[in-house]
Protein backbone atom coordinates (compact mmCIF):
# COMPACT_ATOMS: atom_id res chain seq x y z
CA MET A 1 19.09 16.16 16.16
CA MET A 2 19.52 15.97 12.42
CA HIS A 3 16.52 17.23 10.42
CA THR A 4 16.89 16.34 6.75
CA PHE A 5 13.36 17.56 6.04
CA THR A 6 14.33 21.26 5.91
CA PHE A 7 11.95 24.19 5.50
CA PHE A 8 12.86 24.44 1.83
CA THR A 9 12.25 20.73 1.33
CA LYS A 10 8.91 20.98 3.13
CA LYS A 11 7.84 23.93 1.00
CA THR A 12 8.90 22.25 -2.23
CA PHE A 13 7.17 18.99 -1.29
CA TRP A 14 3.83 20.58 -0.38
CA LEU A 15 3.89 22.84 -3.45
CA SER A 16 4.47 19.77 -5.61
CA ILE A 17 1.52 17.99 -4.00
CA LEU A 18 -0.68 21.06 -4.48
CA VAL A 19 0.30 21.38 -8.14
CA LEU A 20 -0.39 17.67 -8.70
CA VAL A 21 -3.84 17.92 -7.10
CA LEU A 22 -4.81 21.11 -8.91
CA GLY A 23 -3.54 19.71 -12.18
CA ALA A 24 -5.81 16.71 -11.74
CA VAL A 25 -8.89 18.80 -10.99
CA PRO A 26 -10.25 20.33 -14.19
CA SER A 27 -13.93 21.16 -14.51
CA TRP A 28 -15.22 17.62 -13.91
CA ALA A 29 -18.92 17.02 -14.48
CA GLN A 30 -20.81 15.82 -11.43
CA ASP A 31 -21.51 12.31 -12.65
CA ASP A 32 -21.81 9.54 -10.05
CA ASP A 33 -20.99 6.90 -12.67
CA ARG A 34 -17.48 8.32 -12.94
CA PHE A 35 -16.69 7.69 -9.27
CA SER A 36 -15.73 4.32 -7.80
CA PHE A 37 -14.72 3.39 -4.26
CA ASP A 38 -13.46 0.16 -2.66
CA VAL A 39 -13.06 -0.64 1.03
CA THR A 40 -11.15 -3.69 2.25
CA LEU A 41 -10.32 -5.04 5.71
CA ASN A 42 -7.03 -6.92 5.78
CA SER A 43 -5.21 -9.06 8.31
CA ASP A 44 -1.86 -10.85 8.22
CA GLN A 45 0.70 -11.83 10.83
CA PHE A 46 3.19 -9.07 9.99
CA PHE A 47 1.11 -5.90 9.54
CA GLY A 48 -1.76 -7.01 11.75
CA PHE A 49 -5.20 -5.57 10.97
CA TYR A 50 -5.39 -2.68 8.51
CA PRO A 51 -8.31 -1.13 6.60
CA PHE A 52 -7.51 -0.07 3.03
CA VAL A 53 -9.54 2.29 0.84
CA THR A 54 -9.09 3.06 -2.85
CA GLY A 55 -11.03 5.33 -5.15
CA SER A 56 -11.02 6.78 -8.63
CA TYR A 57 -12.75 9.38 -10.76
CA ARG A 58 -12.94 8.69 -14.49
CA LEU A 59 -11.58 11.57 -16.55
CA SER A 60 -11.93 9.73 -19.86
CA ASP A 61 -12.27 6.19 -21.18
CA GLU A 62 -8.51 5.75 -20.80
CA VAL A 63 -7.53 7.87 -17.76
CA ASP A 64 -8.67 8.07 -14.10
CA PHE A 65 -7.70 10.24 -11.18
CA THR A 66 -6.93 7.86 -8.29
CA PHE A 67 -6.47 8.07 -4.53
CA TYR A 68 -5.97 5.62 -1.66
CA GLY A 69 -5.52 5.40 2.09
CA ILE A 70 -4.16 2.72 4.44
CA LEU A 71 -4.89 2.81 8.16
CA TRP A 72 -1.86 0.83 9.32
CA SER A 73 -2.76 2.00 12.84
CA GLY A 74 -5.42 -0.71 13.03
CA GLY A 75 -2.76 -3.28 13.91
CA ARG A 76 0.98 -3.18 14.57
CA GLY A 77 1.12 0.41 13.35
CA GLY A 78 -0.81 1.56 16.44
CA VAL A 79 0.74 3.78 19.07
CA GLN A 80 0.97 0.90 21.55
CA GLY A 81 1.49 -1.82 18.94
CA ASP A 82 1.15 -5.53 19.64
CA GLY A 83 4.74 -6.51 20.22
CA GLY A 84 6.05 -4.62 17.21
CA GLY A 85 6.82 -1.52 19.26
CA GLY A 86 4.16 0.67 17.69
CA TRP A 87 4.68 2.74 14.54
CA GLY A 88 3.25 6.05 15.74
CA ASN A 89 -0.31 5.60 14.46
CA TRP A 90 1.12 4.84 11.01
CA THR A 91 -1.10 6.21 8.25
CA GLU A 92 -0.64 6.35 4.48
CA PHE A 93 -2.46 8.47 1.92
CA GLY A 94 -1.72 8.89 -1.76
CA ILE A 95 -2.94 10.11 -5.14
CA GLY A 96 -2.11 9.30 -8.72
CA VAL A 97 -3.48 8.46 -12.14
CA GLY A 98 -4.92 5.30 -13.62
CA PHE A 99 -4.56 4.20 -17.23
CA ASN A 100 -6.82 1.69 -18.96
CA PRO A 101 -4.92 0.65 -22.10
CA ALA A 102 -7.06 -2.42 -22.80
CA PRO A 103 -10.29 -4.02 -21.52
CA GLY A 104 -9.70 -5.51 -18.08
CA LEU A 105 -6.20 -4.02 -17.75
CA SER A 106 -5.30 -1.08 -15.50
CA ILE A 107 -1.98 0.64 -14.71
CA SER A 108 -1.85 3.06 -11.80
CA PRO A 109 1.29 4.97 -10.72
CA GLN A 110 0.74 6.80 -7.42
CA ILE A 111 2.67 8.58 -4.72
CA GLY A 112 1.83 8.45 -1.03
CA ILE A 113 2.87 10.23 2.15
CA LEU A 114 3.12 8.64 5.59
CA GLY A 115 2.43 9.86 9.09
CA GLY A 116 4.02 8.04 12.03
CA ASN A 117 7.55 7.16 13.13
CA LEU A 118 8.55 3.81 11.57
CA LEU A 119 10.68 5.25 8.77
CA SER A 120 11.86 8.47 10.41
CA SER A 121 13.18 6.89 13.62
CA GLY A 122 12.59 3.13 13.57
CA SER A 123 9.53 3.55 15.85
CA THR A 124 11.54 5.25 18.58
CA GLY A 125 10.90 8.95 17.92
CA PRO A 126 7.85 11.22 17.78
CA SER A 127 5.00 10.55 15.38
CA VAL A 128 5.26 13.10 12.57
CA LEU A 129 3.69 14.00 9.26
CA GLY A 130 6.24 13.26 6.58
CA ASP A 131 7.49 10.07 8.21
CA GLY A 132 8.05 8.81 4.67
CA ILE A 133 7.12 8.94 1.02
CA VAL A 134 5.87 6.01 -1.07
CA PRO A 135 6.15 6.03 -4.87
CA ASN A 136 4.23 2.96 -6.02
CA LEU A 137 2.79 1.22 -9.06
CA THR A 138 -0.18 -1.16 -9.35
CA ILE A 139 -1.06 -3.20 -12.45
CA GLY A 140 -4.42 -4.94 -12.36
CA LEU A 141 -5.95 -7.65 -14.56
CA ASP A 142 -9.66 -8.46 -14.44
CA GLN A 143 -11.02 -10.34 -17.44
CA ALA A 144 -13.64 -12.99 -18.06
CA VAL A 145 -11.48 -16.00 -17.14
CA VAL A 146 -8.34 -14.64 -15.45
CA GLU A 147 -7.47 -12.11 -12.75
CA GLY A 148 -4.26 -10.80 -11.27
CA GLU A 149 -2.33 -7.93 -9.73
CA ILE A 150 1.25 -6.68 -9.54
CA TYR A 151 2.23 -4.08 -6.95
CA ALA A 152 5.54 -2.45 -6.06
CA GLY A 153 6.14 0.37 -3.59
CA PHE A 154 9.28 1.90 -2.09
CA TYR A 155 8.94 3.28 1.45
CA ALA A 156 11.61 5.97 1.93
CA PRO A 157 12.03 8.24 4.99
CA LEU A 158 11.36 11.94 4.43
CA ARG A 159 12.64 13.00 7.83
CA ASP A 160 15.43 11.93 10.18
CA MET A 161 14.07 12.09 13.72
CA THR A 162 16.81 10.01 15.34
CA THR A 163 18.57 11.54 18.34
CA VAL A 164 21.17 8.92 19.38
CA PRO A 165 23.47 6.60 17.40
CA THR A 166 21.47 3.51 18.38
CA GLN A 167 18.40 4.82 16.55
CA THR A 168 18.00 4.57 12.79
CA THR A 169 15.81 5.58 9.92
CA LEU A 170 14.38 2.74 7.85
CA SER A 171 13.39 2.11 4.24
CA PHE A 172 11.50 -0.80 2.68
CA LEU A 173 10.74 -2.28 -0.71
CA HIS A 174 7.35 -4.02 -0.76
CA TYR A 175 6.03 -5.89 -3.76
CA TRP A 176 3.67 -8.72 -4.64
CA ALA A 177 2.19 -10.55 -7.60
CA ASN A 178 -0.82 -12.82 -7.85
CA PHE A 179 -2.57 -14.54 -10.71
CA GLY A 180 -5.68 -16.68 -10.77
CA PHE A 181 -8.52 -18.22 -12.70
CA LYS A 182 -12.24 -17.61 -12.38
CA ALA A 183 -13.70 -21.09 -12.03
CA THR A 184 -17.22 -19.64 -11.84
CA ASN A 185 -18.72 -16.17 -11.46
CA PHE A 186 -18.59 -16.85 -7.70
CA LEU A 187 -15.29 -18.67 -7.16
CA SER A 188 -11.71 -17.92 -8.23
CA PHE A 189 -8.35 -19.30 -7.15
CA GLY A 190 -4.67 -18.83 -7.91
CA ALA A 191 -1.20 -18.15 -6.49
CA HIS A 192 0.17 -15.28 -4.42
CA TYR A 193 3.80 -14.16 -3.97
CA GLU A 194 4.77 -11.27 -1.67
CA HIS A 195 8.14 -9.90 -0.55
CA LEU A 196 9.09 -7.24 2.01
CA ILE A 197 12.72 -6.10 2.13
CA ASN A 198 14.30 -3.80 4.70
CA THR A 199 16.57 -1.97 2.27
CA GLY A 200 18.56 -0.15 4.95
CA GLY A 201 18.63 3.06 6.93
CA SER A 202 20.86 5.71 8.47
CA ASN A 203 22.30 3.12 10.86
CA ILE A 204 21.79 0.01 8.70
CA SER A 205 24.29 -0.79 5.97
CA GLU A 206 22.84 -3.97 4.44
CA SER A 207 19.39 -4.95 3.24
CA THR A 208 17.56 -7.91 4.78
CA ASP A 209 14.50 -9.95 3.89
CA THR A 210 11.66 -9.34 6.34
CA TYR A 211 9.37 -11.94 4.80
CA GLN A 212 8.90 -13.74 1.48
CA TRP A 213 5.51 -15.38 1.12
CA LEU A 214 4.41 -17.91 -1.47
CA GLY A 215 1.19 -19.89 -1.62
CA PRO A 216 -2.30 -20.29 -3.06
CA TYR A 217 -5.38 -18.13 -2.59
CA ILE A 218 -9.11 -18.70 -2.89
CA GLN A 219 -11.68 -15.96 -3.41
CA PHE A 220 -15.46 -15.73 -3.23
CA THR A 221 -17.20 -12.83 -4.98
CA LYS A 222 -20.82 -11.83 -5.37
CA PRO A 223 -21.55 -12.48 -9.07
CA THR A 224 -23.22 -9.10 -9.58
CA GLY A 225 -20.35 -7.22 -7.89
CA GLY A 226 -19.89 -5.73 -4.45
CA PRO A 227 -18.70 -7.90 -1.53
CA PHE A 228 -15.85 -10.41 -1.75
CA ALA A 229 -13.52 -12.39 0.52
CA ARG A 230 -10.05 -13.74 -0.25
CA PHE A 231 -7.84 -16.02 1.84
CA SER A 232 -4.14 -16.45 0.97
CA PHE A 233 -1.80 -18.81 2.80
CA GLY A 234 1.39 -20.79 2.38
CA THR A 235 5.06 -20.80 3.26
CA ASP A 236 7.53 -18.09 4.22
CA LEU A 237 10.77 -18.58 2.28
CA VAL A 238 12.87 -16.50 4.69
CA GLU A 239 15.06 -18.70 6.87
CA GLY A 240 13.73 -18.92 10.41
CA ASN A 241 10.18 -18.02 9.39
CA ASP A 242 7.46 -20.59 9.03
CA SER A 243 4.20 -19.79 7.23
CA PHE A 244 1.96 -16.91 6.23
CA PHE A 245 -1.74 -16.13 6.16
CA LYS A 246 -3.61 -13.14 4.77
CA LEU A 247 -7.35 -12.51 4.89
CA THR A 248 -8.96 -9.75 2.84
CA THR A 249 -12.65 -8.98 2.77
CA GLY A 250 -14.22 -5.94 1.22
CA PHE A 251 -16.85 -4.20 -0.84
CA SER A 252 -16.73 -2.39 -4.17
CA PHE A 253 -19.10 0.55 -4.54
């Protein structure tokens, strides 16, 4: 077995995470108004059902400390899966910073770590902490008339848990962009584009498109804030695929 995640690499990685956390934890005042938290429940035909949580703590008018978690295990990431083979109870957690350079505009670079086996062995090996690492960037737009979001994340394996030549590590590039208009303080609509690329692996030499979704979305939001629901749907541009659907419902605290 080839273990690329050596003791030295493990020690360096965890020390880096500890330094990043400690560096982001000065003497913050205990002020509830500084803390925000969002919970969403998501479903689409590729990832299945997955809860997603995001949070932030305002350090200043321009900078936030941010964190997030994705419970991919709710759907195809589960140990038994639903035809996808199971991804070893796939779980993602990350931290970062958020910048607010202008009203209604946010920029948040983050880095996440994965537990599971999708990246480290293509869902064939043991479920491990350090299955992969996810540097990612989210840009959000939320103004009086328009809304939008751009996301890009690279899913790279941290460990090689393959044991035979037929197994492989995997890596993915996942990104999306959406933009819409607020027709009323209750209703908004727009367009959504999303792309997932299998960029390769230890036993994969060429990248392939997993899906490439394009279509409209419609969203309903409580005017005073809090609960919302968004439905996106349309075509899949990858040859051999047909259509896509994505339902997101959540609550902002």
